Amino acid sequence: MDTKAIGGRSAEAAICARGITRDFKAGQSTIRVLHGIDTDIKPGEMTFVVGESGSGKTTLISIMCGILWPTDGEVKVFGTDIYKLSDAELVNFRLENIGFIFQQYNLIPSIDAAANAAVPLIAQGMRVGEAREKAKALLEKLNIGDQADKLPNQLSGGQQQRVAIARALVHEPRLVVCDEPTAALDTSSGRRVMDLLREVAVAEDRACIIVTHDNRIFDLADRILVLEDGLVTHDGTDMPDGH
């Protein structure tokens, strides 16, 4: 079992990935995007995944959190082999344990910002009024509490992104997975989001993975994985020279 000593005790790796490959069909050809990746994501850390477009970053994190099946390999999330779960079990596991921040935001257009942010809580069975209040408190922390009653099409791109971030964090998941969480934000707003991610998503029993091209925030990473052509070419606390 992959462990890390924390506070005098051992803890499972947040993610243990072994031999992860992923192939895609392109006409009559097969393209291998990931080439047998082995890596552990540790609890208590904010891990950045960086690399050029097409290097396999989004594919890797999608496999790590149960959205995209690997062609081969094994993924354990806090000790659970997620690709041995049934479809229904996997949906429930993600709902209970994982928060996602997508590049496209994926907000529901017919409900307001507070309701969008409250979706995971409502799905878990919390009463709507209670869920909205908890969501509104998080929107306040993200400086958009005054937008809670607005529909997504009444919000700017940056405001929509912060609603998506609130939705990912509101149920306090053990693993938060973010795809370019600061891309639509100015420097000040981006730092505020990163501070909130660290406050909510990084703890002894929690972890946060961030795919990013944003060199304004590289200094905030505890650990940086660099992907090149579907392989991890660097795993360390600093960005390597030339990147």
C-alpha atoms as a PDB file:
ATOM      1  CA  MET A   1       0.000   0.000   0.000  1.00  0.00           C
ATOM      2  CA  ASP A   2       1.304   3.456  -0.863  1.00  0.00           C
ATOM      3  CA  THR A   3       1.629   5.507   2.291  1.00  0.00           C
ATOM      4  CA  LYS A   4       3.032   8.769   3.528  1.00  0.00           C
ATOM      5  CA  ALA A   5       3.812   9.611   7.124  1.00  0.00           C
ATOM      6  CA  ILE A   6       1.641  12.484   8.306  1.00  0.00           C
ATOM      7  CA  GLY A   7       1.596  13.631  11.901  1.00  0.00           C
ATOM      8  CA  GLY A   8       3.235  10.428  13.089  1.00  0.00           C
ATOM      9  CA  ARG A   9       0.838   8.116  11.264  1.00  0.00           C
ATOM     10  CA  SER A  10       0.625   6.695   7.756  1.00  0.00           C
ATOM     11  CA  ALA A  11      -1.974   7.693   5.173  1.00  0.00           C
ATOM     12  CA  GLU A  12      -2.956   6.198   1.866  1.00  0.00           C
ATOM     13  CA  ALA A  13      -1.958   7.997  -1.279  1.00  0.00           C
ATOM     14  CA  ALA A  14      -4.791  10.190  -2.463  1.00  0.00           C
ATOM     15  CA  ILE A  15      -4.261   8.683  -5.916  1.00  0.00           C
ATOM     16  CA  CYS A  16      -2.113   5.707  -6.817  1.00  0.00           C
ATOM     17  CA  ALA A  17      -1.850   5.332 -10.600  1.00  0.00           C
ATOM     18  CA  ARG A  18       0.043   2.434 -12.138  1.00  0.00           C
ATOM     19  CA  GLY A  19       0.702   1.653 -15.796  1.00  0.00           C
ATOM     20  CA  ILE A  20      -1.844   4.157 -17.101  1.00  0.00           C
ATOM     21  CA  THR A  21      -2.167   4.068 -20.861  1.00  0.00           C
ATOM     22  CA  ARG A  22      -4.872   5.587 -23.026  1.00  0.00           C
ATOM     23  CA  ASP A  23      -5.477   5.063 -26.725  1.00  0.00           C
ATOM     24  CA  PHE A  24      -7.832   6.993 -29.005  1.00  0.00           C
ATOM     25  CA  LYS A  25      -9.083   6.000 -32.433  1.00  0.00           C
ATOM     26  CA  ALA A  26      -8.337   8.399 -35.289  1.00  0.00           C
ATOM     27  CA  GLY A  27      -9.919   6.967 -38.426  1.00  0.00           C
ATOM     28  CA  GLN A  28      -8.210   3.656 -39.072  1.00  0.00           C
ATOM     29  CA  SER A  29      -5.332   4.514 -36.751  1.00  0.00           C
ATOM     30  CA  THR A  30      -4.860   4.254 -32.987  1.00  0.00           C
ATOM     31  CA  ILE A  31      -3.075   7.057 -31.179  1.00  0.00           C
ATOM     32  CA  ARG A  32      -1.560   6.416 -27.763  1.00  0.00           C
ATOM     33  CA  VAL A  33      -1.902   9.561 -25.649  1.00  0.00           C
ATOM     34  CA  LEU A  34      -0.592   8.195 -22.338  1.00  0.00           C
ATOM     35  CA  HIS A  35       2.306   5.739 -22.177  1.00  0.00           C
ATOM     36  CA  GLY A  36       2.245   3.683 -18.975  1.00  0.00           C
ATOM     37  CA  ILE A  37       2.260   6.436 -16.362  1.00  0.00           C
ATOM     38  CA  ASP A  38       3.087   5.580 -12.749  1.00  0.00           C
ATOM     39  CA  THR A  39       2.548   8.289 -10.152  1.00  0.00           C
ATOM     40  CA  ASP A  40       1.169   8.926  -6.676  1.00  0.00           C
ATOM     41  CA  ILE A  41      -0.737  12.046  -5.667  1.00  0.00           C
ATOM     42  CA  LYS A  42      -0.152  12.668  -1.979  1.00  0.00           C
ATOM     43  CA  PRO A  43      -2.645  13.938   0.582  1.00  0.00           C
ATOM     44  CA  GLY A  44      -1.787  17.294   2.080  1.00  0.00           C
ATOM     45  CA  GLU A  45      -0.369  18.617  -1.196  1.00  0.00           C
ATOM     46  CA  MET A  46      -1.411  20.831  -4.085  1.00  0.00           C
ATOM     47  CA  THR A  47      -0.052  19.100  -7.179  1.00  0.00           C
ATOM     48  CA  PHE A  48       0.229  20.934 -10.501  1.00  0.00           C
ATOM     49  CA  VAL A  49       0.189  19.020 -13.797  1.00  0.00           C
ATOM     50  CA  VAL A  50       1.803  21.074 -16.555  1.00  0.00           C
ATOM     51  CA  GLY A  51       2.936  20.592 -20.122  1.00  0.00           C
ATOM     52  CA  GLU A  52       2.294  21.672 -23.676  1.00  0.00           C
ATOM     53  CA  SER A  53      -1.143  21.327 -25.257  1.00  0.00           C
ATOM     54  CA  GLY A  54      -1.593  17.731 -26.383  1.00  0.00           C
ATOM     55  CA  SER A  55       0.803  16.298 -23.804  1.00  0.00           C
ATOM     56  CA  GLY A  56      -1.986  14.300 -22.108  1.00  0.00           C
ATOM     57  CA  LYS A  57      -2.704  16.423 -19.013  1.00  0.00           C
ATOM     58  CA  THR A  58      -6.489  16.519 -19.194  1.00  0.00           C
ATOM     59  CA  THR A  59      -6.637  12.867 -20.254  1.00  0.00           C
ATOM     60  CA  LEU A  60      -4.550  11.892 -17.229  1.00  0.00           C
ATOM     61  CA  ILE A  61      -6.622  13.762 -14.650  1.00  0.00           C
ATOM     62  CA  SER A  62      -9.848  12.522 -16.266  1.00  0.00           C
ATOM     63  CA  ILE A  63      -8.648   8.943 -15.768  1.00  0.00           C
ATOM     64  CA  MET A  64      -7.459   9.672 -12.240  1.00  0.00           C
ATOM     65  CA  CYS A  65     -10.917  10.794 -11.148  1.00  0.00           C
ATOM     66  CA  GLY A  66     -13.093   8.270 -12.927  1.00  0.00           C
ATOM     67  CA  ILE A  67     -14.390  10.275 -15.885  1.00  0.00           C
ATOM     68  CA  LEU A  68     -12.415   8.513 -18.636  1.00  0.00           C
ATOM     69  CA  TRP A  69     -11.509   4.831 -18.612  1.00  0.00           C
ATOM     70  CA  PRO A  70      -7.866   3.916 -19.190  1.00  0.00           C
ATOM     71  CA  THR A  71      -6.938   1.525 -21.967  1.00  0.00           C
ATOM     72  CA  ASP A  72      -4.740  -0.232 -19.432  1.00  0.00           C
ATOM     73  CA  GLY A  73      -3.589   0.327 -15.873  1.00  0.00           C
ATOM     74  CA  GLU A  74      -4.964   0.750 -12.368  1.00  0.00           C
ATOM     75  CA  VAL A  75      -6.149   3.795 -10.407  1.00  0.00           C
ATOM     76  CA  LYS A  76      -6.805   3.758  -6.678  1.00  0.00           C
ATOM     77  CA  VAL A  77      -8.350   6.847  -5.075  1.00  0.00           C
ATOM     78  CA  PHE A  78      -7.854   6.787  -1.309  1.00  0.00           C
ATOM     79  CA  GLY A  79      -7.434   3.033  -1.552  1.00  0.00           C
ATOM     80  CA  THR A  80     -10.468   2.325  -3.753  1.00  0.00           C
ATOM     81  CA  ASP A  81      -9.773   0.755  -7.142  1.00  0.00           C
ATOM     82  CA  ILE A  82     -12.250   2.964  -8.985  1.00  0.00           C
ATOM     83  CA  TYR A  83     -12.297   0.996 -12.242  1.00  0.00           C
ATOM     84  CA  LYS A  84     -13.449  -2.111 -10.406  1.00  0.00           C
ATOM     85  CA  LEU A  85     -16.600  -0.306  -9.258  1.00  0.00           C
ATOM     86  CA  SER A  86     -19.909  -0.642 -11.067  1.00  0.00           C
ATOM     87  CA  ASP A  87     -21.124   2.407 -12.972  1.00  0.00           C
ATOM     88  CA  ALA A  88     -23.540   3.302 -10.167  1.00  0.00           C
ATOM     89  CA  GLU A  89     -20.873   2.789  -7.496  1.00  0.00           C
ATOM     90  CA  LEU A  90     -18.443   4.980  -9.431  1.00  0.00           C
ATOM     91  CA  VAL A  91     -21.019   7.791  -9.728  1.00  0.00           C
ATOM     92  CA  ASN A  92     -21.656   7.648  -5.980  1.00  0.00           C
ATOM     93  CA  PHE A  93     -17.937   7.486  -5.202  1.00  0.00           C
ATOM     94  CA  ARG A  94     -17.267  10.604  -7.269  1.00  0.00           C
ATOM     95  CA  LEU A  95     -20.186  12.433  -5.667  1.00  0.00           C
ATOM     96  CA  GLU A  96     -18.936  11.685  -2.166  1.00  0.00           C
ATOM     97  CA  ASN A  97     -15.199  12.099  -2.678  1.00  0.00           C
ATOM     98  CA  ILE A  98     -14.299  14.227  -5.723  1.00  0.00           C
ATOM     99  CA  GLY A  99     -14.922  17.818  -6.739  1.00  0.00           C
ATOM    100  CA  PHE A 100     -14.345  18.888 -10.353  1.00  0.00           C
ATOM    101  CA  ILE A 101     -13.568  22.288 -11.822  1.00  0.00           C
ATOM    102  CA  PHE A 102     -13.955  22.012 -15.591  1.00  0.00           C
ATOM    103  CA  GLN A 103     -12.586  24.424 -18.199  1.00  0.00           C
ATOM    104  CA  GLN A 104     -16.051  24.719 -19.759  1.00  0.00           C
ATOM    105  CA  TYR A 105     -17.716  25.399 -16.337  1.00  0.00           C
ATOM    106  CA  ASN A 106     -20.745  23.195 -17.277  1.00  0.00           C
ATOM    107  CA  LEU A 107     -23.235  25.323 -15.329  1.00  0.00           C
ATOM    108  CA  ILE A 108     -26.953  24.548 -15.613  1.00  0.00           C
ATOM    109  CA  PRO A 109     -28.380  27.500 -17.600  1.00  0.00           C
ATOM    110  CA  SER A 110     -31.878  27.440 -16.105  1.00  0.00           C
ATOM    111  CA  ILE A 111     -30.935  27.844 -12.416  1.00  0.00           C
ATOM    112  CA  ASP A 112     -29.178  30.652 -10.585  1.00  0.00           C
ATOM    113  CA  ALA A 113     -25.595  30.774  -9.324  1.00  0.00           C
ATOM    114  CA  ALA A 114     -26.418  29.631  -5.775  1.00  0.00           C
ATOM    115  CA  ALA A 115     -28.394  26.646  -7.045  1.00  0.00           C
ATOM    116  CA  ASN A 116     -25.596  25.712  -9.440  1.00  0.00           C
ATOM    117  CA  ALA A 117     -23.065  25.828  -6.616  1.00  0.00           C
ATOM    118  CA  ALA A 118     -25.385  23.787  -4.387  1.00  0.00           C
ATOM    119  CA  VAL A 119     -25.886  20.907  -6.851  1.00  0.00           C
ATOM    120  CA  PRO A 120     -23.539  18.392  -5.112  1.00  0.00           C
ATOM    121  CA  LEU A 121     -25.188  19.005  -1.727  1.00  0.00           C
ATOM    122  CA  ILE A 122     -28.690  18.570  -3.146  1.00  0.00           C
ATOM    123  CA  ALA A 123     -27.564  15.395  -4.914  1.00  0.00           C
ATOM    124  CA  GLN A 124     -26.364  14.092  -1.540  1.00  0.00           C
ATOM    125  CA  GLY A 125     -29.805  14.716  -0.051  1.00  0.00           C
ATOM    126  CA  MET A 126     -29.381  18.037   1.758  1.00  0.00           C
ATOM    127  CA  ARG A 127     -32.486  20.227   1.889  1.00  0.00           C
ATOM    128  CA  VAL A 128     -32.509  22.840  -0.859  1.00  0.00           C
ATOM    129  CA  GLY A 129     -32.668  25.851   1.452  1.00  0.00           C
ATOM    130  CA  GLU A 130     -29.767  24.627   3.582  1.00  0.00           C
ATOM    131  CA  ALA A 131     -27.730  23.761   0.497  1.00  0.00           C
ATOM    132  CA  ARG A 132     -28.312  27.225  -0.993  1.00  0.00           C
ATOM    133  CA  GLU A 133     -27.165  28.922   2.199  1.00  0.00           C
ATOM    134  CA  LYS A 134     -23.955  26.901   2.302  1.00  0.00           C
ATOM    135  CA  ALA A 135     -23.367  27.643  -1.385  1.00  0.00           C
ATOM    136  CA  LYS A 136     -23.989  31.364  -0.869  1.00  0.00           C
ATOM    137  CA  ALA A 137     -21.397  31.465   1.924  1.00  0.00           C
ATOM    138  CA  LEU A 138     -18.818  30.015  -0.453  1.00  0.00           C
ATOM    139  CA  LEU A 139     -19.776  32.460  -3.210  1.00  0.00           C
ATOM    140  CA  GLU A 140     -19.171  35.255  -0.685  1.00  0.00           C
ATOM    141  CA  LYS A 141     -15.654  33.935  -0.088  1.00  0.00           C
ATOM    142  CA  LEU A 142     -15.120  34.078  -3.855  1.00  0.00           C
ATOM    143  CA  ASN A 143     -16.305  37.720  -3.950  1.00  0.00           C
ATOM    144  CA  ILE A 144     -19.468  37.019  -5.942  1.00  0.00           C
ATOM    145  CA  GLY A 145     -22.034  36.711  -3.185  1.00  0.00           C
ATOM    146  CA  ASP A 146     -23.999  39.546  -4.789  1.00  0.00           C
ATOM    147  CA  GLN A 147     -24.403  37.410  -7.940  1.00  0.00           C
ATOM    148  CA  ALA A 148     -26.015  34.433  -6.166  1.00  0.00           C
ATOM    149  CA  ASP A 149     -29.487  34.986  -7.659  1.00  0.00           C
ATOM    150  CA  LYS A 150     -28.325  35.522 -11.250  1.00  0.00           C
ATOM    151  CA  LEU A 151     -28.513  32.988 -14.066  1.00  0.00           C
ATOM    152  CA  PRO A 152     -25.262  31.881 -15.726  1.00  0.00           C
ATOM    153  CA  ASN A 153     -25.945  33.960 -18.868  1.00  0.00           C
ATOM    154  CA  GLN A 154     -26.089  37.062 -16.650  1.00  0.00           C
ATOM    155  CA  LEU A 155     -22.579  36.450 -15.357  1.00  0.00           C
ATOM    156  CA  SER A 156     -19.189  37.237 -16.849  1.00  0.00           C
ATOM    157  CA  GLY A 157     -16.823  34.400 -17.765  1.00  0.00           C
ATOM    158  CA  GLY A 158     -14.794  34.958 -14.605  1.00  0.00           C
ATOM    159  CA  GLN A 159     -17.933  34.956 -12.451  1.00  0.00           C
ATOM    160  CA  GLN A 160     -19.145  31.733 -14.061  1.00  0.00           C
ATOM    161  CA  GLN A 161     -15.773  30.178 -13.341  1.00  0.00           C
ATOM    162  CA  ARG A 162     -16.028  31.116  -9.661  1.00  0.00           C
ATOM    163  CA  VAL A 163     -19.501  29.552  -9.465  1.00  0.00           C
ATOM    164  CA  ALA A 164     -17.977  26.377 -10.930  1.00  0.00           C
ATOM    165  CA  ILE A 165     -15.224  26.520  -8.318  1.00  0.00           C
ATOM    166  CA  ALA A 166     -17.795  26.922  -5.530  1.00  0.00           C
ATOM    167  CA  ARG A 167     -19.699  23.905  -6.870  1.00  0.00           C
ATOM    168  CA  ALA A 168     -16.507  21.817  -6.749  1.00  0.00           C
ATOM    169  CA  LEU A 169     -15.729  22.773  -3.155  1.00  0.00           C
ATOM    170  CA  VAL A 170     -19.147  23.072  -1.512  1.00  0.00           C
ATOM    171  CA  HIS A 171     -19.419  19.426  -0.419  1.00  0.00           C
ATOM    172  CA  GLU A 172     -15.857  19.429   0.960  1.00  0.00           C
ATOM    173  CA  PRO A 173     -14.562  16.537  -1.176  1.00  0.00           C
ATOM    174  CA  ARG A 174     -11.415  14.626  -0.305  1.00  0.00           C
ATOM    175  CA  LEU A 175     -10.009  15.186  -3.809  1.00  0.00           C
ATOM    176  CA  VAL A 176     -10.405  18.357  -5.884  1.00  0.00           C
ATOM    177  CA  VAL A 177      -9.444  18.181  -9.564  1.00  0.00           C
ATOM    178  CA  CYS A 178      -9.113  21.456 -11.474  1.00  0.00           C
ATOM    179  CA  ASP A 179      -8.583  22.100 -15.179  1.00  0.00           C
ATOM    180  CA  GLU A 180      -7.211  25.640 -15.630  1.00  0.00           C
ATOM    181  CA  PRO A 181      -9.007  27.173 -12.597  1.00  0.00           C
ATOM    182  CA  THR A 182      -7.413  30.618 -13.033  1.00  0.00           C
ATOM    183  CA  ALA A 183      -7.493  30.901 -16.826  1.00  0.00           C
ATOM    184  CA  ALA A 184     -10.348  33.439 -16.983  1.00  0.00           C
ATOM    185  CA  LEU A 185      -9.304  35.410 -13.901  1.00  0.00           C
ATOM    186  CA  ASP A 186      -7.100  38.435 -13.316  1.00  0.00           C
ATOM    187  CA  THR A 187      -4.083  38.029 -11.042  1.00  0.00           C
ATOM    188  CA  SER A 188      -5.845  39.182  -7.866  1.00  0.00           C
ATOM    189  CA  SER A 189      -8.890  36.967  -8.406  1.00  0.00           C
ATOM    190  CA  GLY A 190      -6.672  34.045  -9.373  1.00  0.00           C
ATOM    191  CA  ARG A 191      -4.707  34.330  -6.142  1.00  0.00           C
ATOM    192  CA  ARG A 192      -7.937  34.500  -4.153  1.00  0.00           C
ATOM    193  CA  VAL A 193      -9.155  31.313  -5.807  1.00  0.00           C
ATOM    194  CA  MET A 194      -5.863  29.548  -5.146  1.00  0.00           C
ATOM    195  CA  ASP A 195      -5.944  30.622  -1.481  1.00  0.00           C
ATOM    196  CA  LEU A 196      -9.456  29.190  -1.171  1.00  0.00           C
ATOM    197  CA  LEU A 197      -8.418  25.959  -2.873  1.00  0.00           C
ATOM    198  CA  ARG A 198      -5.598  25.553  -0.385  1.00  0.00           C
ATOM    199  CA  GLU A 199      -7.892  26.355   2.545  1.00  0.00           C
ATOM    200  CA  VAL A 200     -10.656  23.947   1.516  1.00  0.00           C
ATOM    201  CA  ALA A 201      -8.969  21.276  -0.584  1.00  0.00           C
ATOM    202  CA  VAL A 202      -5.551  20.695   0.998  1.00  0.00           C
ATOM    203  CA  ALA A 203      -5.368  18.909   4.344  1.00  0.00           C
ATOM    204  CA  GLU A 204      -3.943  15.743   5.904  1.00  0.00           C
ATOM    205  CA  ASP A 205      -6.721  13.676   4.364  1.00  0.00           C
ATOM    206  CA  ARG A 206      -7.339  15.722   1.201  1.00  0.00           C
ATOM    207  CA  ALA A 207      -5.527  16.569  -1.998  1.00  0.00           C
ATOM    208  CA  CYS A 208      -5.821  18.953  -4.920  1.00  0.00           C
ATOM    209  CA  ILE A 209      -4.664  18.427  -8.525  1.00  0.00           C
ATOM    210  CA  ILE A 210      -4.462  21.411 -10.861  1.00  0.00           C
ATOM    211  CA  VAL A 211      -3.837  21.348 -14.601  1.00  0.00           C
ATOM    212  CA  THR A 212      -2.547  24.769 -15.564  1.00  0.00           C
ATOM    213  CA  HIS A 213      -0.552  26.815 -18.059  1.00  0.00           C
ATOM    214  CA  ASP A 214      -0.698  29.850 -15.734  1.00  0.00           C
ATOM    215  CA  ASN A 215       2.881  30.666 -14.792  1.00  0.00           C
ATOM    216  CA  ARG A 216       1.575  33.342 -12.392  1.00  0.00           C
ATOM    217  CA  ILE A 217       0.703  30.582  -9.908  1.00  0.00           C
ATOM    218  CA  PHE A 218       3.513  28.058 -10.361  1.00  0.00           C
ATOM    219  CA  ASP A 219       5.078  29.245  -7.088  1.00  0.00           C
ATOM    220  CA  LEU A 220       1.987  28.038  -5.184  1.00  0.00           C
ATOM    221  CA  ALA A 221       2.504  24.371  -6.050  1.00  0.00           C
ATOM    222  CA  ASP A 222       3.742  21.876  -3.474  1.00  0.00           C
ATOM    223  CA  ARG A 223       4.653  19.538  -6.304  1.00  0.00           C
ATOM    224  CA  ILE A 224       4.850  19.814 -10.098  1.00  0.00           C
ATOM    225  CA  LEU A 225       4.422  16.987 -12.610  1.00  0.00           C
ATOM    226  CA  VAL A 226       5.522  17.814 -16.146  1.00  0.00           C
ATOM    227  CA  LEU A 227       4.002  15.763 -18.974  1.00  0.00           C
ATOM    228  CA  GLU A 228       5.608  15.522 -22.404  1.00  0.00           C
ATOM    229  CA  ASP A 229       4.143  13.295 -25.120  1.00  0.00           C
ATOM    230  CA  GLY A 230       2.165  11.235 -22.631  1.00  0.00           C
ATOM    231  CA  LEU A 231       5.026  10.641 -20.186  1.00  0.00           C
ATOM    232  CA  VAL A 232       5.942  12.210 -16.835  1.00  0.00           C
ATOM    233  CA  THR A 233       9.335  13.821 -17.467  1.00  0.00           C
ATOM    234  CA  HIS A 234       9.634  15.728 -14.192  1.00  0.00           C
ATOM    235  CA  ASP A 235       8.281  15.216 -10.679  1.00  0.00           C
ATOM    236  CA  GLY A 236       9.521  17.745  -8.154  1.00  0.00           C
ATOM    237  CA  THR A 237       8.881  20.799  -6.017  1.00  0.00           C
ATOM    238  CA  ASP A 238      10.015  23.334  -8.656  1.00  0.00           C
ATOM    239  CA  MET A 239       9.467  23.906 -12.333  1.00  0.00           C
ATOM    240  CA  PRO A 240      12.475  22.571 -14.272  1.00  0.00           C
ATOM    241  CA  ASP A 241      14.591  24.882 -16.428  1.00  0.00           C
ATOM    242  CA  GLY A 242      13.229  25.458 -19.906  1.00  0.00           C
ATOM    243  CA  HIS A 243       9.540  25.416 -18.884  1.00  0.00           C
END
